[in-house]
């Protein structure tokens, strides 16, 4: 309800209950900040200490919140750079089938599509057709943009 009423604001939850079930529920419902008191000793005479988390509980609380965040996922898909690099090995690039001399025009029958995907993507081959090569290119050569005039 608060997210709908105040979409431009970050919603927080201030918890004054034992444990952390209500915090986890609040996060699952959209709270982005939680306030939870921590104490060294829950038996300390005070209103706040009895429902506060002791250090070991605080560690488990944080672990639970992180697991929930992972389970909820994200609206964006962030792929680590090392995974993106690995993907290229399985993707394809534009290759020259047979050697071409400098100034030769690229034609569909000059091109092949092979792994790895470190060169020009096959989806861009239409842009290549009719363009000329900037230097002599050998058989089975992975084409790059620097090779094209």
C-alpha atoms as a PDB file:
ATOM      1  CA  UNK A   1       0.000   0.000   0.000  1.00  0.00           C
ATOM      2  CA  UNK A   2       2.781   2.424   0.896  1.00  0.00           C
ATOM      3  CA  UNK A   3       4.594   1.668  -2.371  1.00  0.00           C
ATOM      4  CA  UNK A   4       1.419   2.501  -4.301  1.00  0.00           C
ATOM      5  CA  UNK A   5       0.705   5.641  -2.262  1.00  0.00           C
ATOM      6  CA  UNK A   6       4.292   6.944  -2.373  1.00  0.00           C
ATOM      7  CA  UNK A   7       6.003   5.467  -5.466  1.00  0.00           C
ATOM      8  CA  UNK A   8       8.752   8.106  -5.433  1.00  0.00           C
ATOM      9  CA  UNK A   9       9.875   7.136  -1.911  1.00  0.00           C
ATOM     10  CA  UNK A  10      11.875   4.247  -0.525  1.00  0.00           C
ATOM     11  CA  UNK A  11       9.717   2.189   1.832  1.00  0.00           C
ATOM     12  CA  UNK A  12      11.212   1.113   5.152  1.00  0.00           C
ATOM     13  CA  UNK A  13      10.092  -1.138   7.990  1.00  0.00           C
ATOM     14  CA  UNK A  14      10.910  -0.528  11.664  1.00  0.00           C
ATOM     15  CA  UNK A  15      10.561  -3.796  13.544  1.00  0.00           C
ATOM     16  CA  UNK A  16       9.986  -4.130  17.275  1.00  0.00           C
ATOM     17  CA  UNK A  17       9.132  -7.817  17.455  1.00  0.00           C
ATOM     18  CA  UNK A  18      11.235 -10.826  18.485  1.00  0.00           C
ATOM     19  CA  UNK A  19      12.919 -12.721  15.643  1.00  0.00           C
ATOM     20  CA  UNK A  20      12.967 -11.525  12.080  1.00  0.00           C
ATOM     21  CA  UNK A  21       9.946 -13.061  10.413  1.00  0.00           C
ATOM     22  CA  UNK A  22       8.205  -9.699  10.073  1.00  0.00           C
ATOM     23  CA  UNK A  23      11.316  -8.140   8.515  1.00  0.00           C
ATOM     24  CA  UNK A  24      11.501 -10.924   5.925  1.00  0.00           C
ATOM     25  CA  UNK A  25       7.794 -10.472   5.193  1.00  0.00           C
ATOM     26  CA  UNK A  26       8.243  -6.697   4.825  1.00  0.00           C
ATOM     27  CA  UNK A  27      11.122  -7.160   2.382  1.00  0.00           C
ATOM     28  CA  UNK A  28       9.104  -9.694   0.394  1.00  0.00           C
ATOM     29  CA  UNK A  29       6.317  -7.100   0.167  1.00  0.00           C
ATOM     30  CA  UNK A  30       8.658  -4.375  -1.072  1.00  0.00           C
ATOM     31  CA  UNK A  31      10.385  -2.719   1.886  1.00  0.00           C
ATOM     32  CA  UNK A  32      13.884  -1.647   0.891  1.00  0.00           C
ATOM     33  CA  UNK A  33      15.147  -0.726   4.353  1.00  0.00           C
ATOM     34  CA  UNK A  34      14.615  -2.469   7.671  1.00  0.00           C
ATOM     35  CA  UNK A  35      15.430  -1.300  11.152  1.00  0.00           C
ATOM     36  CA  UNK A  36      16.192  -4.015  13.660  1.00  0.00           C
ATOM     37  CA  UNK A  37      17.816  -3.344  17.018  1.00  0.00           C
ATOM     38  CA  UNK A  38      20.838  -5.366  18.065  1.00  0.00           C
ATOM     39  CA  UNK A  39      22.034  -5.992  21.599  1.00  0.00           C
ATOM     40  CA  UNK A  40      24.881  -7.858  23.229  1.00  0.00           C
ATOM     41  CA  UNK A  41      22.481  -9.315  25.804  1.00  0.00           C
ATOM     42  CA  UNK A  42      18.725  -9.723  25.332  1.00  0.00           C
ATOM     43  CA  UNK A  43      18.260 -10.131  29.098  1.00  0.00           C
ATOM     44  CA  UNK A  44      19.426  -6.592  29.798  1.00  0.00           C
ATOM     45  CA  UNK A  45      16.559  -4.828  31.631  1.00  0.00           C
ATOM     46  CA  UNK A  46      15.085  -2.542  28.983  1.00  0.00           C
ATOM     47  CA  UNK A  47      12.091  -2.390  26.694  1.00  0.00           C
ATOM     48  CA  UNK A  48      14.216  -2.633  23.519  1.00  0.00           C
ATOM     49  CA  UNK A  49      16.650  -5.397  24.543  1.00  0.00           C
ATOM     50  CA  UNK A  50      14.024  -8.137  24.910  1.00  0.00           C
ATOM     51  CA  UNK A  51      13.146  -8.103  21.184  1.00  0.00           C
ATOM     52  CA  UNK A  52      16.601  -7.154  19.878  1.00  0.00           C
ATOM     53  CA  UNK A  53      18.920  -9.554  18.075  1.00  0.00           C
ATOM     54  CA  UNK A  54      22.071 -10.787  19.735  1.00  0.00           C
ATOM     55  CA  UNK A  55      25.230 -10.959  17.533  1.00  0.00           C
ATOM     56  CA  UNK A  56      24.781 -14.595  16.391  1.00  0.00           C
ATOM     57  CA  UNK A  57      21.099 -13.947  15.599  1.00  0.00           C
ATOM     58  CA  UNK A  58      22.085 -10.793  13.702  1.00  0.00           C
ATOM     59  CA  UNK A  59      24.385 -12.850  11.442  1.00  0.00           C
ATOM     60  CA  UNK A  60      21.594 -15.352  10.718  1.00  0.00           C
ATOM     61  CA  UNK A  61      19.173 -12.459  10.128  1.00  0.00           C
ATOM     62  CA  UNK A  62      21.453 -10.921   7.490  1.00  0.00           C
ATOM     63  CA  UNK A  63      21.943 -14.343   5.869  1.00  0.00           C
ATOM     64  CA  UNK A  64      18.154 -14.829   5.713  1.00  0.00           C
ATOM     65  CA  UNK A  65      17.657 -11.411   4.135  1.00  0.00           C
ATOM     66  CA  UNK A  66      20.368 -12.063   1.521  1.00  0.00           C
ATOM     67  CA  UNK A  67      18.831 -15.456   0.672  1.00  0.00           C
ATOM     68  CA  UNK A  68      15.429 -13.800   0.279  1.00  0.00           C
ATOM     69  CA  UNK A  69      16.878 -11.106  -1.998  1.00  0.00           C
ATOM     70  CA  UNK A  70      18.411 -13.820  -4.157  1.00  0.00           C
ATOM     71  CA  UNK A  71      15.141 -15.762  -4.247  1.00  0.00           C
ATOM     72  CA  UNK A  72      13.154 -12.653  -5.213  1.00  0.00           C
ATOM     73  CA  UNK A  73      15.498 -12.020  -8.105  1.00  0.00           C
ATOM     74  CA  UNK A  74      15.822  -8.781  -9.995  1.00  0.00           C
ATOM     75  CA  UNK A  75      13.899  -6.954 -12.687  1.00  0.00           C
ATOM     76  CA  UNK A  76      17.188  -6.537 -14.543  1.00  0.00           C
ATOM     77  CA  UNK A  77      19.415  -9.282 -15.802  1.00  0.00           C
ATOM     78  CA  UNK A  78      23.017  -8.592 -14.976  1.00  0.00           C
ATOM     79  CA  UNK A  79      25.353 -11.134 -16.505  1.00  0.00           C
ATOM     80  CA  UNK A  80      28.899 -11.141 -15.118  1.00  0.00           C
ATOM     81  CA  UNK A  81      31.600 -10.231 -17.649  1.00  0.00           C
ATOM     82  CA  UNK A  82      33.346 -13.602 -17.268  1.00  0.00           C
ATOM     83  CA  UNK A  83      30.109 -15.374 -18.284  1.00  0.00           C
ATOM     84  CA  UNK A  84      29.705 -13.053 -21.282  1.00  0.00           C
ATOM     85  CA  UNK A  85      33.249 -13.919 -22.391  1.00  0.00           C
ATOM     86  CA  UNK A  86      32.562 -17.654 -22.038  1.00  0.00           C
ATOM     87  CA  UNK A  87      29.414 -17.304 -24.152  1.00  0.00           C
ATOM     88  CA  UNK A  88      31.452 -15.955 -27.038  1.00  0.00           C
ATOM     89  CA  UNK A  89      33.200 -19.316 -27.375  1.00  0.00           C
ATOM     90  CA  UNK A  90      29.872 -20.904 -28.291  1.00  0.00           C
ATOM     91  CA  UNK A  91      28.665 -18.092 -30.548  1.00  0.00           C
ATOM     92  CA  UNK A  92      29.621 -17.644 -34.185  1.00  0.00           C
ATOM     93  CA  UNK A  93      31.541 -15.003 -36.116  1.00  0.00           C
ATOM     94  CA  UNK A  94      31.806 -14.086 -39.790  1.00  0.00           C
ATOM     95  CA  UNK A  95      34.743 -15.819 -41.488  1.00  0.00           C
ATOM     96  CA  UNK A  96      36.171 -15.536 -44.977  1.00  0.00           C
ATOM     97  CA  UNK A  97      35.817 -18.929 -46.727  1.00  0.00           C
ATOM     98  CA  UNK A  98      38.605 -18.514 -49.301  1.00  0.00           C
ATOM     99  CA  UNK A  99      41.377 -15.943 -49.459  1.00  0.00           C
ATOM    100  CA  UNK A 100      40.486 -12.500 -50.769  1.00  0.00           C
ATOM    101  CA  UNK A 101      42.735  -9.838 -52.244  1.00  0.00           C
ATOM    102  CA  UNK A 102      42.778  -6.268 -51.015  1.00  0.00           C
ATOM    103  CA  UNK A 103      39.887  -4.344 -52.630  1.00  0.00           C
ATOM    104  CA  UNK A 104      37.728  -7.446 -53.224  1.00  0.00           C
ATOM    105  CA  UNK A 105      34.016  -7.011 -52.594  1.00  0.00           C
ATOM    106  CA  UNK A 106      32.384  -9.190 -49.990  1.00  0.00           C
ATOM    107  CA  UNK A 107      29.654 -11.464 -51.348  1.00  0.00           C
ATOM    108  CA  UNK A 108      27.412 -13.950 -49.542  1.00  0.00           C
ATOM    109  CA  UNK A 109      29.352 -16.880 -51.031  1.00  0.00           C
ATOM    110  CA  UNK A 110      32.630 -15.450 -49.587  1.00  0.00           C
ATOM    111  CA  UNK A 111      31.301 -15.712 -46.035  1.00  0.00           C
ATOM    112  CA  UNK A 112      31.072 -18.509 -43.509  1.00  0.00           C
ATOM    113  CA  UNK A 113      29.847 -18.524 -39.905  1.00  0.00           C
ATOM    114  CA  UNK A 114      31.931 -20.370 -37.320  1.00  0.00           C
ATOM    115  CA  UNK A 115      32.904 -20.445 -33.682  1.00  0.00           C
ATOM    116  CA  UNK A 116      34.188 -18.654 -31.689  1.00  0.00           C
ATOM    117  CA  UNK A 117      32.127 -15.480 -31.539  1.00  0.00           C
ATOM    118  CA  UNK A 118      34.935 -12.968 -31.011  1.00  0.00           C
ATOM    119  CA  UNK A 119      34.553 -11.385 -34.450  1.00  0.00           C
ATOM    120  CA  UNK A 120      31.691  -9.751 -36.339  1.00  0.00           C
ATOM    121  CA  UNK A 121      28.304 -11.257 -35.507  1.00  0.00           C
ATOM    122  CA  UNK A 122      26.494 -13.114 -38.298  1.00  0.00           C
ATOM    123  CA  UNK A 123      23.501 -10.856 -37.617  1.00  0.00           C
ATOM    124  CA  UNK A 124      25.560  -8.011 -39.126  1.00  0.00           C
ATOM    125  CA  UNK A 125      26.516  -9.821 -42.324  1.00  0.00           C
ATOM    126  CA  UNK A 126      23.993  -7.797 -44.377  1.00  0.00           C
ATOM    127  CA  UNK A 127      26.062  -4.705 -43.599  1.00  0.00           C
ATOM    128  CA  UNK A 128      29.172  -6.451 -44.958  1.00  0.00           C
ATOM    129  CA  UNK A 129      27.802  -7.457 -48.362  1.00  0.00           C
ATOM    130  CA  UNK A 130      29.194  -5.172 -51.076  1.00  0.00           C
ATOM    131  CA  UNK A 131      31.879  -3.656 -48.837  1.00  0.00           C
ATOM    132  CA  UNK A 132      35.533  -4.170 -49.767  1.00  0.00           C
ATOM    133  CA  UNK A 133      38.389  -5.661 -47.792  1.00  0.00           C
ATOM    134  CA  UNK A 134      41.198  -3.370 -46.694  1.00  0.00           C
ATOM    135  CA  UNK A 135      43.974  -5.953 -47.037  1.00  0.00           C
ATOM    136  CA  UNK A 136      44.687  -9.424 -48.357  1.00  0.00           C
ATOM    137  CA  UNK A 137      42.819 -11.978 -46.238  1.00  0.00           C
ATOM    138  CA  UNK A 138      43.727 -15.678 -45.994  1.00  0.00           C
ATOM    139  CA  UNK A 139      41.426 -18.725 -46.131  1.00  0.00           C
ATOM    140  CA  UNK A 140      39.322 -19.356 -43.045  1.00  0.00           C
ATOM    141  CA  UNK A 141      39.961 -15.868 -41.645  1.00  0.00           C
ATOM    142  CA  UNK A 142      37.803 -14.377 -38.847  1.00  0.00           C
ATOM    143  CA  UNK A 143      36.667 -11.026 -40.185  1.00  0.00           C
ATOM    144  CA  UNK A 144      36.835  -7.873 -38.054  1.00  0.00           C
ATOM    145  CA  UNK A 145      35.675  -4.328 -38.731  1.00  0.00           C
ATOM    146  CA  UNK A 146      39.284  -3.151 -39.223  1.00  0.00           C
ATOM    147  CA  UNK A 147      39.462  -5.458 -42.272  1.00  0.00           C
ATOM    148  CA  UNK A 148      36.600  -3.643 -44.043  1.00  0.00           C
ATOM    149  CA  UNK A 149      36.631  -0.415 -46.055  1.00  0.00           C
END
